[in-house]
PDB file of N, CA and C in Angstrom:
ATOM      1  N   UNK A   1       0.849  -1.179   0.000  1.00  0.00           N
ATOM      2  CA  UNK A   1       0.000   0.000   0.000  1.00  0.00           C
ATOM      3  C   UNK A   1       0.897   1.245   0.000  1.00  0.00           C
ATOM      4  N   UNK A   2       0.645   2.138  -0.915  1.00  0.00           N
ATOM      5  CA  UNK A   2       1.429   3.367  -1.031  1.00  0.00           C
ATOM      6  C   UNK A   2       1.059   4.345   0.079  1.00  0.00           C
ATOM      7  N   UNK A   3       2.042   5.142   0.483  1.00  0.00           N
ATOM      8  CA  UNK A   3       1.837   6.099   1.562  1.00  0.00           C
ATOM      9  C   UNK A   3       1.810   7.517   1.022  1.00  0.00           C
ATOM     10  N   UNK A   4       0.861   8.290   1.536  1.00  0.00           N
ATOM     11  CA  UNK A   4       0.744   9.715   1.232  1.00  0.00           C
ATOM     12  C   UNK A   4       0.933  10.495   2.524  1.00  0.00           C
ATOM     13  N   UNK A   5       1.668  11.602   2.451  1.00  0.00           N
ATOM     14  CA  UNK A   5       1.821  12.493   3.590  1.00  0.00           C
ATOM     15  C   UNK A   5       0.936  13.715   3.372  1.00  0.00           C
ATOM     16  N   UNK A   6       0.345  14.202   4.451  1.00  0.00           N
ATOM     17  CA  UNK A   6      -0.419  15.445   4.447  1.00  0.00           C
ATOM     18  C   UNK A   6       0.201  16.333   5.515  1.00  0.00           C
ATOM     19  N   UNK A   7       0.670  17.512   5.116  1.00  0.00           N
ATOM     20  CA  UNK A   7       1.312  18.427   6.062  1.00  0.00           C
ATOM     21  C   UNK A   7       0.549  19.754   6.033  1.00  0.00           C
ATOM     22  N   UNK A   8      -0.104  20.057   7.137  1.00  0.00           N
ATOM     23  CA  UNK A   8      -0.879  21.291   7.246  1.00  0.00           C
ATOM     24  C   UNK A   8      -0.966  21.659   8.722  1.00  0.00           C
ATOM     25  N   UNK A   9      -0.736  22.922   9.038  1.00  0.00           N
ATOM     26  CA  UNK A   9      -0.792  23.344  10.432  1.00  0.00           C
ATOM     27  C   UNK A   9      -2.227  23.453  10.947  1.00  0.00           C
ATOM     28  N   UNK A  10      -3.202  23.402  10.052  1.00  0.00           N
ATOM     29  CA  UNK A  10      -4.605  23.355  10.465  1.00  0.00           C
ATOM     30  C   UNK A  10      -4.971  21.882  10.663  1.00  0.00           C
ATOM     31  N   UNK A  11      -5.106  21.486  11.912  1.00  0.00           N
ATOM     32  CA  UNK A  11      -5.348  20.078  12.251  1.00  0.00           C
ATOM     33  C   UNK A  11      -6.569  19.509  11.537  1.00  0.00           C
ATOM     34  N   UNK A  12      -7.651  20.281  11.448  1.00  0.00           N
ATOM     35  CA  UNK A  12      -8.869  19.786  10.807  1.00  0.00           C
ATOM     36  C   UNK A  12      -8.625  19.440   9.339  1.00  0.00           C
ATOM     37  N   UNK A  13      -7.908  20.297   8.641  1.00  0.00           N
ATOM     38  CA  UNK A  13      -7.616  20.048   7.225  1.00  0.00           C
ATOM     39  C   UNK A  13      -6.742  18.809   7.071  1.00  0.00           C
ATOM     40  N   UNK A  14      -5.686  18.731   7.864  1.00  0.00           N
ATOM     41  CA  UNK A  14      -4.775  17.577   7.772  1.00  0.00           C
ATOM     42  C   UNK A  14      -5.499  16.278   8.104  1.00  0.00           C
ATOM     43  N   UNK A  15      -6.291  16.289   9.160  1.00  0.00           N
ATOM     44  CA  UNK A  15      -6.998  15.076   9.574  1.00  0.00           C
ATOM     45  C   UNK A  15      -8.041  14.646   8.553  1.00  0.00           C
ATOM     46  N   UNK A  16      -8.785  15.611   8.010  1.00  0.00           N
ATOM     47  CA  UNK A  16      -9.813  15.298   7.023  1.00  0.00           C
ATOM     48  C   UNK A  16      -9.207  14.696   5.767  1.00  0.00           C
ATOM     49  N   UNK A  17      -8.146  15.303   5.270  1.00  0.00           N
ATOM     50  CA  UNK A  17      -7.500  14.807   4.060  1.00  0.00           C
ATOM     51  C   UNK A  17      -6.890  13.430   4.306  1.00  0.00           C
ATOM     52  N   UNK A  18      -6.279  13.230   5.458  1.00  0.00           N
ATOM     53  CA  UNK A  18      -5.720  11.914   5.803  1.00  0.00           C
ATOM     54  C   UNK A  18      -6.807  10.852   5.811  1.00  0.00           C
ATOM     55  N   UNK A  19      -7.941  11.133   6.434  1.00  0.00           N
ATOM     56  CA  UNK A  19      -9.031  10.154   6.512  1.00  0.00           C
ATOM     57  C   UNK A  19      -9.588   9.812   5.137  1.00  0.00           C
ATOM     58  N   UNK A  20      -9.745  10.814   4.288  1.00  0.00           N
ATOM     59  CA  UNK A  20     -10.267  10.571   2.934  1.00  0.00           C
ATOM     60  C   UNK A  20      -9.305   9.677   2.148  1.00  0.00           C
ATOM     61  N   UNK A  21      -8.024   9.944   2.257  1.00  0.00           N
ATOM     62  CA  UNK A  21      -7.041   9.122   1.552  1.00  0.00           C
ATOM     63  C   UNK A  21      -7.011   7.704   2.122  1.00  0.00           C
ATOM     64  N   UNK A  22      -7.107   7.564   3.438  1.00  0.00           N
ATOM     65  CA  UNK A  22      -7.119   6.231   4.053  1.00  0.00           C
ATOM     66  C   UNK A  22      -8.333   5.419   3.600  1.00  0.00           C
ATOM     67  N   UNK A  23      -9.494   6.038   3.607  1.00  0.00           N
ATOM     68  CA  UNK A  23     -10.719   5.348   3.184  1.00  0.00           C
ATOM     69  C   UNK A  23     -10.641   4.971   1.701  1.00  0.00           C
ATOM     70  N   UNK A  24      -9.862   5.725   0.942  1.00  0.00           N
ATOM     71  CA  UNK A  24      -9.738   5.476  -0.499  1.00  0.00           C
ATOM     72  C   UNK A  24      -8.636   4.477  -0.839  1.00  0.00           C
ATOM     73  N   UNK A  25      -8.058   3.852   0.168  1.00  0.00           N
ATOM     74  CA  UNK A  25      -7.104   2.784  -0.085  1.00  0.00           C
ATOM     75  C   UNK A  25      -5.638   3.149   0.022  1.00  0.00           C
ATOM     76  N   UNK A  26      -5.344   4.340   0.498  1.00  0.00           N
ATOM     77  CA  UNK A  26      -3.950   4.747   0.677  1.00  0.00           C
ATOM     78  C   UNK A  26      -3.618   4.743   2.158  1.00  0.00           C
ATOM     79  N   UNK A  27      -2.351   4.594   2.458  1.00  0.00           N
ATOM     80  CA  UNK A  27      -1.879   4.704   3.826  1.00  0.00           C
ATOM     81  C   UNK A  27      -1.442   6.153   4.010  1.00  0.00           C
ATOM     82  N   UNK A  28      -2.300   6.976   4.583  1.00  0.00           N
ATOM     83  CA  UNK A  28      -2.012   8.400   4.716  1.00  0.00           C
ATOM     84  C   UNK A  28      -1.603   8.739   6.146  1.00  0.00           C
ATOM     85  N   UNK A  29      -0.608   9.609   6.253  1.00  0.00           N
ATOM     86  CA  UNK A  29      -0.111  10.105   7.535  1.00  0.00           C
ATOM     87  C   UNK A  29      -0.245  11.620   7.517  1.00  0.00           C
ATOM     88  N   UNK A  30      -0.695  12.189   8.634  1.00  0.00           N
ATOM     89  CA  UNK A  30      -0.805  13.648   8.689  1.00  0.00           C
ATOM     90  C   UNK A  30       0.170  14.219   9.704  1.00  0.00           C
ATOM     91  N   UNK A  31       0.649  15.419   9.399  1.00  0.00           N
ATOM     92  CA  UNK A  31       1.625  16.130  10.216  1.00  0.00           C
ATOM     93  C   UNK A  31       1.222  17.596  10.280  1.00  0.00           C
ATOM     94  N   UNK A  32       1.628  18.228  11.379  1.00  0.00           N
ATOM     95  CA  UNK A  32       1.308  19.642  11.540  1.00  0.00           C
ATOM     96  C   UNK A  32       2.532  20.544  11.437  1.00  0.00           C
ATOM     97  N   UNK A  33       3.684  19.947  11.100  1.00  0.00           N
ATOM     98  CA  UNK A  33       4.895  20.738  10.887  1.00  0.00           C
ATOM     99  C   UNK A  33       5.783  20.023   9.867  1.00  0.00           C
ATOM    100  N   UNK A  34       6.609  20.811   9.197  1.00  0.00           N
ATOM    101  CA  UNK A  34       7.554  20.232   8.243  1.00  0.00           C
ATOM    102  C   UNK A  34       8.587  19.365   8.957  1.00  0.00           C
ATOM    103  N   UNK A  35       9.027  19.811  10.122  1.00  0.00           N
ATOM    104  CA  UNK A  35      10.050  19.067  10.859  1.00  0.00           C
ATOM    105  C   UNK A  35       9.593  17.656  11.209  1.00  0.00           C
ATOM    106  N   UNK A  36       8.373  17.533  11.713  1.00  0.00           N
ATOM    107  CA  UNK A  36       7.890  16.203  12.101  1.00  0.00           C
ATOM    108  C   UNK A  36       7.730  15.301  10.883  1.00  0.00           C
ATOM    109  N   UNK A  37       7.286  15.844   9.764  1.00  0.00           N
ATOM    110  CA  UNK A  37       7.146  15.040   8.546  1.00  0.00           C
ATOM    111  C   UNK A  37       8.501  14.616   8.006  1.00  0.00           C
ATOM    112  N   UNK A  38       9.473  15.514   8.055  1.00  0.00           N
ATOM    113  CA  UNK A  38      10.791  15.196   7.520  1.00  0.00           C
ATOM    114  C   UNK A  38      11.430  14.035   8.284  1.00  0.00           C
ATOM    115  N   UNK A  39      11.146  13.940   9.567  1.00  0.00           N
ATOM    116  CA  UNK A  39      11.674  12.828  10.362  1.00  0.00           C
ATOM    117  C   UNK A  39      11.209  11.478   9.820  1.00  0.00           C
ATOM    118  N   UNK A  40       9.996  11.422   9.245  1.00  0.00           N
ATOM    119  CA  UNK A  40       9.442  10.167   8.735  1.00  0.00           C
ATOM    120  C   UNK A  40       9.725   9.912   7.257  1.00  0.00           C
ATOM    121  N   UNK A  41      10.128  10.924   6.519  1.00  0.00           N
ATOM    122  CA  UNK A  41      10.350  10.763   5.080  1.00  0.00           C
ATOM    123  C   UNK A  41      11.388   9.676   4.808  1.00  0.00           C
ATOM    124  N   UNK A  42      12.460   9.679   5.547  1.00  0.00           N
ATOM    125  CA  UNK A  42      13.536   8.717   5.324  1.00  0.00           C
ATOM    126  C   UNK A  42      13.068   7.285   5.500  1.00  0.00           C
ATOM    127  N   UNK A  43      12.305   7.050   6.544  1.00  0.00           N
ATOM    128  CA  UNK A  43      11.867   5.686   6.853  1.00  0.00           C
ATOM    129  C   UNK A  43      10.692   5.233   5.990  1.00  0.00           C
ATOM    130  N   UNK A  44       9.721   6.108   5.780  1.00  0.00           N
ATOM    131  CA  UNK A  44       8.468   5.704   5.127  1.00  0.00           C
ATOM    132  C   UNK A  44       8.516   5.870   3.608  1.00  0.00           C
ATOM    133  N   UNK A  45       9.224   6.867   3.114  1.00  0.00           N
ATOM    134  CA  UNK A  45       9.340   7.134   1.676  1.00  0.00           C
ATOM    135  C   UNK A  45       7.972   7.222   0.986  1.00  0.00           C
ATOM    136  N   UNK A  46       7.234   8.293   1.234  1.00  0.00           N
ATOM    137  CA  UNK A  46       5.903   8.437   0.629  1.00  0.00           C
ATOM    138  C   UNK A  46       5.982   8.591  -0.883  1.00  0.00           C
ATOM    139  N   UNK A  47       4.900   8.215  -1.552  1.00  0.00           N
ATOM    140  CA  UNK A  47       4.844   8.394  -3.007  1.00  0.00           C
ATOM    141  C   UNK A  47       4.376   9.806  -3.359  1.00  0.00           C
ATOM    142  N   UNK A  48       3.617  10.433  -2.445  1.00  0.00           N
ATOM    143  CA  UNK A  48       3.110  11.781  -2.692  1.00  0.00           C
ATOM    144  C   UNK A  48       3.006  12.524  -1.371  1.00  0.00           C
ATOM    145  N   UNK A  49       3.260  13.827  -1.433  1.00  0.00           N
ATOM    146  CA  UNK A  49       3.172  14.685  -0.253  1.00  0.00           C
ATOM    147  C   UNK A  49       2.285  15.873  -0.590  1.00  0.00           C
ATOM    148  N   UNK A  50       1.223  16.047   0.181  1.00  0.00           N
ATOM    149  CA  UNK A  50       0.380  17.245   0.098  1.00  0.00           C
ATOM    150  C   UNK A  50       0.854  18.171   1.199  1.00  0.00           C
ATOM    151  N   UNK A  51       1.195  19.412   0.852  1.00  0.00           N
ATOM    152  CA  UNK A  51       1.662  20.320   1.896  1.00  0.00           C
ATOM    153  C   UNK A  51       1.105  21.716   1.722  1.00  0.00           C
ATOM    154  N   UNK A  52       0.788  22.290   2.864  1.00  0.00           N
ATOM    155  CA  UNK A  52       0.367  23.687   2.906  1.00  0.00           C
ATOM    156  C   UNK A  52       1.614  24.533   2.680  1.00  0.00           C
ATOM    157  N   UNK A  53       1.470  25.605   1.940  1.00  0.00           N
ATOM    158  CA  UNK A  53       2.638  26.431   1.643  1.00  0.00           C
ATOM    159  C   UNK A  53       3.164  27.143   2.885  1.00  0.00           C
ATOM    160  N   UNK A  54       2.266  27.666   3.692  1.00  0.00           N
ATOM    161  CA  UNK A  54       2.701  28.439   4.861  1.00  0.00           C
ATOM    162  C   UNK A  54       2.395  27.684   6.145  1.00  0.00           C
ATOM    163  N   UNK A  55       3.444  27.236   6.795  1.00  0.00           N
ATOM    164  CA  UNK A  55       3.320  26.574   8.089  1.00  0.00           C
ATOM    165  C   UNK A  55       4.320  27.248   9.022  1.00  0.00           C
ATOM    166  N   UNK A  56       3.858  27.722  10.172  1.00  0.00           N
ATOM    167  CA  UNK A  56       4.774  28.378  11.112  1.00  0.00           C
ATOM    168  C   UNK A  56       5.890  27.436  11.558  1.00  0.00           C
ATOM    169  N   UNK A  57       7.033  27.999  11.818  1.00  0.00           N
ATOM    170  CA  UNK A  57       8.175  27.198  12.268  1.00  0.00           C
ATOM    171  C   UNK A  57       9.422  27.600  11.516  1.00  0.00           C
ATOM    172  N   UNK A  58      10.483  26.885  11.750  1.00  0.00           N
ATOM    173  CA  UNK A  58      11.766  27.242  11.166  1.00  0.00           C
ATOM    174  C   UNK A  58      11.931  26.889   9.712  1.00  0.00           C
ATOM    175  N   UNK A  59      11.308  25.810   9.250  1.00  0.00           N
ATOM    176  CA  UNK A  59      11.518  25.334   7.889  1.00  0.00           C
ATOM    177  C   UNK A  59      10.444  25.895   6.951  1.00  0.00           C
ATOM    178  N   UNK A  60      10.867  26.298   5.752  1.00  0.00           N
ATOM    179  CA  UNK A  60       9.910  26.767   4.750  1.00  0.00           C
ATOM    180  C   UNK A  60       9.480  25.590   3.876  1.00  0.00           C
ATOM    181  N   UNK A  61       8.433  25.775   3.110  1.00  0.00           N
ATOM    182  CA  UNK A  61       7.996  24.736   2.172  1.00  0.00           C
ATOM    183  C   UNK A  61       9.100  24.419   1.176  1.00  0.00           C
ATOM    184  N   UNK A  62       9.791  25.443   0.714  1.00  0.00           N
ATOM    185  CA  UNK A  62      10.884  25.243  -0.233  1.00  0.00           C
ATOM    186  C   UNK A  62      11.976  24.374   0.380  1.00  0.00           C
ATOM    187  N   UNK A  63      12.348  24.666   1.625  1.00  0.00           N
ATOM    188  CA  UNK A  63      13.371  23.873   2.313  1.00  0.00           C
ATOM    189  C   UNK A  63      12.911  22.425   2.482  1.00  0.00           C
ATOM    190  N   UNK A  64      11.662  22.257   2.886  1.00  0.00           N
ATOM    191  CA  UNK A  64      11.154  20.906   3.099  1.00  0.00           C
ATOM    192  C   UNK A  64      11.190  20.100   1.804  1.00  0.00           C
ATOM    193  N   UNK A  65      10.710  20.686   0.712  1.00  0.00           N
ATOM    194  CA  UNK A  65      10.677  19.968  -0.568  1.00  0.00           C
ATOM    195  C   UNK A  65      12.095  19.563  -0.988  1.00  0.00           C
ATOM    196  N   UNK A  66      13.027  20.482  -0.863  1.00  0.00           N
ATOM    197  CA  UNK A  66      14.414  20.177  -1.236  1.00  0.00           C
ATOM    198  C   UNK A  66      14.950  19.017  -0.401  1.00  0.00           C
ATOM    199  N   UNK A  67      14.744  19.053   0.895  1.00  0.00           N
ATOM    200  CA  UNK A  67      15.273  18.008   1.768  1.00  0.00           C
ATOM    201  C   UNK A  67      14.557  16.677   1.557  1.00  0.00           C
ATOM    202  N   UNK A  68      13.249  16.715   1.328  1.00  0.00           N
ATOM    203  CA  UNK A  68      12.505  15.476   1.076  1.00  0.00           C
ATOM    204  C   UNK A  68      12.976  14.824  -0.218  1.00  0.00           C
ATOM    205  N   UNK A  69      13.248  15.633  -1.230  1.00  0.00           N
ATOM    206  CA  UNK A  69      13.707  15.089  -2.511  1.00  0.00           C
ATOM    207  C   UNK A  69      15.134  14.570  -2.449  1.00  0.00           C
ATOM    208  N   UNK A  70      15.907  14.994  -1.472  1.00  0.00           N
ATOM    209  CA  UNK A  70      17.242  14.419  -1.280  1.00  0.00           C
ATOM    210  C   UNK A  70      17.120  12.967  -0.820  1.00  0.00           C
ATOM    211  N   UNK A  71      16.063  12.661  -0.079  1.00  0.00           N
ATOM    212  CA  UNK A  71      15.843  11.318   0.461  1.00  0.00           C
ATOM    213  C   UNK A  71      15.033  10.460  -0.508  1.00  0.00           C
ATOM    214  N   UNK A  72      13.989  11.055  -1.087  1.00  0.00           N
ATOM    215  CA  UNK A  72      13.114  10.351  -2.028  1.00  0.00           C
ATOM    216  C   UNK A  72      13.062  11.208  -3.306  1.00  0.00           C
ATOM    217  N   UNK A  73      14.048  11.024  -4.199  1.00  0.00           N
ATOM    218  CA  UNK A  73      14.189  11.920  -5.354  1.00  0.00           C
ATOM    219  C   UNK A  73      12.952  12.041  -6.241  1.00  0.00           C
ATOM    220  N   UNK A  74      12.177  10.991  -6.375  1.00  0.00           N
ATOM    221  CA  UNK A  74      11.024  11.046  -7.282  1.00  0.00           C
ATOM    222  C   UNK A  74       9.700  11.249  -6.561  1.00  0.00           C
ATOM    223  N   UNK A  75       9.741  11.688  -5.301  1.00  0.00           N
ATOM    224  CA  UNK A  75       8.493  11.927  -4.583  1.00  0.00           C
ATOM    225  C   UNK A  75       7.717  13.050  -5.276  1.00  0.00           C
ATOM    226  N   UNK A  76       6.416  12.853  -5.389  1.00  0.00           N
ATOM    227  CA  UNK A  76       5.544  13.856  -5.991  1.00  0.00           C
ATOM    228  C   UNK A  76       5.028  14.771  -4.882  1.00  0.00           C
ATOM    229  N   UNK A  77       4.965  16.061  -5.173  1.00  0.00           N
ATOM    230  CA  UNK A  77       4.526  17.048  -4.188  1.00  0.00           C
ATOM    231  C   UNK A  77       3.368  17.841  -4.761  1.00  0.00           C
ATOM    232  N   UNK A  78       2.337  18.022  -3.936  1.00  0.00           N
ATOM    233  CA  UNK A  78       1.193  18.851  -4.281  1.00  0.00           C
ATOM    234  C   UNK A  78       1.106  19.952  -3.233  1.00  0.00           C
ATOM    235  N   UNK A  79       1.126  21.195  -3.676  1.00  0.00           N
ATOM    236  CA  UNK A  79       1.044  22.317  -2.758  1.00  0.00           C
ATOM    237  C   UNK A  79      -0.414  22.734  -2.579  1.00  0.00           C
ATOM    238  N   UNK A  80      -0.758  23.042  -1.338  1.00  0.00           N
ATOM    239  CA  UNK A  80      -2.092  23.507  -0.977  1.00  0.00           C
ATOM    240  C   UNK A  80      -1.933  24.861  -0.300  1.00  0.00           C
ATOM    241  N   UNK A  81      -2.771  25.824  -0.666  1.00  0.00           N
ATOM    242  CA  UNK A  81      -2.667  27.130  -0.028  1.00  0.00           C
ATOM    243  C   UNK A  81      -4.002  27.868  -0.105  1.00  0.00           C
ATOM    244  N   UNK A  82      -4.193  28.741   0.840  1.00  0.00           N
ATOM    245  CA  UNK A  82      -5.335  29.645   0.804  1.00  0.00           C
ATOM    246  C   UNK A  82      -5.011  30.918   0.041  1.00  0.00           C
ATOM    247  N   UNK A  83      -3.774  31.057  -0.409  1.00  0.00           N
ATOM    248  CA  UNK A  83      -3.295  32.243  -1.106  1.00  0.00           C
ATOM    249  C   UNK A  83      -3.004  31.893  -2.561  1.00  0.00           C
ATOM    250  N   UNK A  84      -3.784  32.438  -3.473  1.00  0.00           N
ATOM    251  CA  UNK A  84      -3.621  32.124  -4.895  1.00  0.00           C
ATOM    252  C   UNK A  84      -2.248  32.524  -5.426  1.00  0.00           C
ATOM    253  N   UNK A  85      -1.587  33.479  -4.776  1.00  0.00           N
ATOM    254  CA  UNK A  85      -0.255  33.901  -5.230  1.00  0.00           C
ATOM    255  C   UNK A  85       0.783  32.792  -5.068  1.00  0.00           C
ATOM    256  N   UNK A  86       0.502  31.812  -4.232  1.00  0.00           N
ATOM    257  CA  UNK A  86       1.442  30.702  -4.023  1.00  0.00           C
ATOM    258  C   UNK A  86       1.527  29.800  -5.247  1.00  0.00           C
ATOM    259  N   UNK A  87       0.591  29.916  -6.172  1.00  0.00           N
ATOM    260  CA  UNK A  87       0.607  29.099  -7.388  1.00  0.00           C
ATOM    261  C   UNK A  87       1.915  29.284  -8.168  1.00  0.00           C
ATOM    262  N   UNK A  88       2.390  30.516  -8.277  1.00  0.00           N
ATOM    263  CA  UNK A  88       3.639  30.776  -9.000  1.00  0.00           C
ATOM    264  C   UNK A  88       4.833  30.154  -8.290  1.00  0.00           C
ATOM    265  N   UNK A  89       4.818  30.186  -6.976  1.00  0.00           N
ATOM    266  CA  UNK A  89       5.891  29.553  -6.210  1.00  0.00           C
ATOM    267  C   UNK A  89       5.848  28.046  -6.433  1.00  0.00           C
ATOM    268  N   UNK A  90       4.642  27.487  -6.452  1.00  0.00           N
ATOM    269  CA  UNK A  90       4.486  26.044  -6.681  1.00  0.00           C
ATOM    270  C   UNK A  90       5.087  25.655  -8.028  1.00  0.00           C
ATOM    271  N   UNK A  91       4.824  26.433  -9.047  1.00  0.00           N
ATOM    272  CA  UNK A  91       5.387  26.138 -10.370  1.00  0.00           C
ATOM    273  C   UNK A  91       6.911  26.128 -10.338  1.00  0.00           C
ATOM    274  N   UNK A  92       7.486  27.084  -9.621  1.00  0.00           N
ATOM    275  CA  UNK A  92       8.949  27.178  -9.574  1.00  0.00           C
ATOM    276  C   UNK A  92       9.579  26.009  -8.811  1.00  0.00           C
ATOM    277  N   UNK A  93       8.784  25.313  -7.978  1.00  0.00           N
ATOM    278  CA  UNK A  93       9.292  24.189  -7.185  1.00  0.00           C
ATOM    279  C   UNK A  93       9.044  22.843  -7.858  1.00  0.00           C
ATOM    280  N   UNK A  94       8.517  22.878  -9.077  1.00  0.00           N
ATOM    281  CA  UNK A  94       8.307  21.654  -9.847  1.00  0.00           C
ATOM    282  C   UNK A  94       7.407  20.652  -9.119  1.00  0.00           C
ATOM    283  N   UNK A  95       6.292  21.150  -8.616  1.00  0.00           N
ATOM    284  CA  UNK A  95       5.320  20.267  -7.973  1.00  0.00           C
ATOM    285  C   UNK A  95       4.349  19.745  -9.033  1.00  0.00           C
ATOM    286  N   UNK A  96       3.671  18.641  -8.715  1.00  0.00           N
ATOM    287  CA  UNK A  96       2.765  18.045  -9.696  1.00  0.00           C
ATOM    288  C   UNK A  96       1.360  18.636  -9.634  1.00  0.00           C
ATOM    289  N   UNK A  97       1.093  19.449  -8.614  1.00  0.00           N
ATOM    290  CA  UNK A  97      -0.224  20.060  -8.516  1.00  0.00           C
ATOM    291  C   UNK A  97      -0.259  21.182  -7.511  1.00  0.00           C
ATOM    292  N   UNK A  98      -1.266  22.031  -7.666  1.00  0.00           N
ATOM    293  CA  UNK A  98      -1.511  23.127  -6.734  1.00  0.00           C
ATOM    294  C   UNK A  98      -3.006  23.194  -6.503  1.00  0.00           C
ATOM    295  N   UNK A  99      -3.422  23.142  -5.251  1.00  0.00           N
ATOM    296  CA  UNK A  99      -4.828  23.253  -4.908  1.00  0.00           C
ATOM    297  C   UNK A  99      -5.042  24.470  -4.035  1.00  0.00           C
ATOM    298  N   UNK A 100      -5.980  25.305  -4.437  1.00  0.00           N
ATOM    299  CA  UNK A 100      -6.367  26.467  -3.657  1.00  0.00           C
ATOM    300  C   UNK A 100      -7.442  26.041  -2.671  1.00  0.00           C
ATOM    301  N   UNK A 101      -7.266  26.407  -1.402  1.00  0.00           N
ATOM    302  CA  UNK A 101      -8.272  26.089  -0.380  1.00  0.00           C
ATOM    303  C   UNK A 101      -9.490  26.974  -0.603  1.00  0.00           C
ATOM    304  N   UNK A 102     -10.671  26.449  -0.454  1.00  0.00           N
ATOM    305  CA  UNK A 102     -11.011  25.050  -0.220  1.00  0.00           C
ATOM    306  C   UNK A 102     -10.836  24.259  -1.518  1.00  0.00           C
ATOM    307  N   UNK A 103     -10.304  23.057  -1.408  1.00  0.00           N
ATOM    308  CA  UNK A 103      -9.992  22.258  -2.580  1.00  0.00           C
ATOM    309  C   UNK A 103     -11.053  21.182  -2.795  1.00  0.00           C
ATOM    310  N   UNK A 104     -11.042  20.624  -3.981  1.00  0.00           N
ATOM    311  CA  UNK A 104     -11.994  19.589  -4.382  1.00  0.00           C
ATOM    312  C   UNK A 104     -11.411  18.218  -4.041  1.00  0.00           C
ATOM    313  N   UNK A 105     -12.112  17.447  -3.234  1.00  0.00           N
ATOM    314  CA  UNK A 105     -11.642  16.127  -2.811  1.00  0.00           C
ATOM    315  C   UNK A 105     -11.451  15.195  -4.020  1.00  0.00           C
ATOM    316  N   UNK A 106     -12.322  15.312  -5.000  1.00  0.00           N
ATOM    317  CA  UNK A 106     -12.182  14.492  -6.203  1.00  0.00           C
ATOM    318  C   UNK A 106     -10.855  14.727  -6.900  1.00  0.00           C
ATOM    319  N   UNK A 107     -10.407  15.968  -6.944  1.00  0.00           N
ATOM    320  CA  UNK A 107      -9.120  16.287  -7.563  1.00  0.00           C
ATOM    321  C   UNK A 107      -7.965  15.709  -6.747  1.00  0.00           C
ATOM    322  N   UNK A 108      -8.094  15.741  -5.416  1.00  0.00           N
ATOM    323  CA  UNK A 108      -7.065  15.167  -4.546  1.00  0.00           C
ATOM    324  C   UNK A 108      -6.934  13.671  -4.809  1.00  0.00           C
ATOM    325  N   UNK A 109      -8.067  12.987  -4.865  1.00  0.00           N
ATOM    326  CA  UNK A 109      -8.037  11.540  -5.117  1.00  0.00           C
ATOM    327  C   UNK A 109      -7.493  11.230  -6.504  1.00  0.00           C
ATOM    328  N   UNK A 110      -7.883  12.023  -7.481  1.00  0.00           N
ATOM    329  CA  UNK A 110      -7.417  11.805  -8.856  1.00  0.00           C
ATOM    330  C   UNK A 110      -5.890  11.923  -8.940  1.00  0.00           C
ATOM    331  N   UNK A 111      -5.344  12.973  -8.384  1.00  0.00           N
ATOM    332  CA  UNK A 111      -3.895  13.171  -8.483  1.00  0.00           C
ATOM    333  C   UNK A 111      -3.144  12.119  -7.673  1.00  0.00           C
ATOM    334  N   UNK A 112      -3.733  11.667  -6.567  1.00  0.00           N
ATOM    335  CA  UNK A 112      -3.097  10.615  -5.776  1.00  0.00           C
ATOM    336  C   UNK A 112      -3.089   9.308  -6.547  1.00  0.00           C
ATOM    337  N   UNK A 113      -4.208   8.968  -7.155  1.00  0.00           N
ATOM    338  CA  UNK A 113      -4.291   7.740  -7.941  1.00  0.00           C
ATOM    339  C   UNK A 113      -3.367   7.815  -9.155  1.00  0.00           C
ATOM    340  N   UNK A 114      -3.225   8.981  -9.716  1.00  0.00           N
ATOM    341  CA  UNK A 114      -2.379   9.176 -10.893  1.00  0.00           C
ATOM    342  C   UNK A 114      -0.901   8.931 -10.567  1.00  0.00           C
ATOM    343  N   UNK A 115      -0.474   9.294  -9.356  1.00  0.00           N
ATOM    344  CA  UNK A 115       0.950   9.249  -9.015  1.00  0.00           C
ATOM    345  C   UNK A 115       1.334   8.146  -8.045  1.00  0.00           C
ATOM    346  N   UNK A 116       0.360   7.429  -7.513  1.00  0.00           N
ATOM    347  CA  UNK A 116       0.650   6.337  -6.571  1.00  0.00           C
ATOM    348  C   UNK A 116      -0.146   5.103  -6.983  1.00  0.00           C
ATOM    349  N   UNK A 117       0.487   3.981  -6.992  1.00  0.00           N
ATOM    350  CA  UNK A 117      -0.238   2.727  -7.240  1.00  0.00           C
ATOM    351  C   UNK A 117      -0.835   2.274  -5.919  1.00  0.00           C
ATOM    352  N   UNK A 118      -2.155   2.222  -5.851  1.00  0.00           N
ATOM    353  CA  UNK A 118      -2.799   1.860  -4.578  1.00  0.00           C
ATOM    354  C   UNK A 118      -2.918   0.365  -4.438  1.00  0.00           C
TER     355      UNK A 118
END
């Protein structure tokens, strides 16, 4: 079973997305900080990571993506944000998708199925 990571400082969003992915046949893990997720990247090696662009703390989304790709070079990343201006940043980071909050669950499942074999 492929693993998906969800990283969002809003617990409700992270938990909801994790549950939807789990019910849909993926092993989803949710995190509320980049640091906690990065600790698991090495061991779990997710096939896809959904992350909020702005999460308080020391690490930026850009830093997290770079470090995660050092461990899992072909990991797919989908950026989620409430700020439409983050779309341009997402493009520059070579992510496979960008979802503006509130996002469509069908699109989340589609992109997960597209990039992970369940």
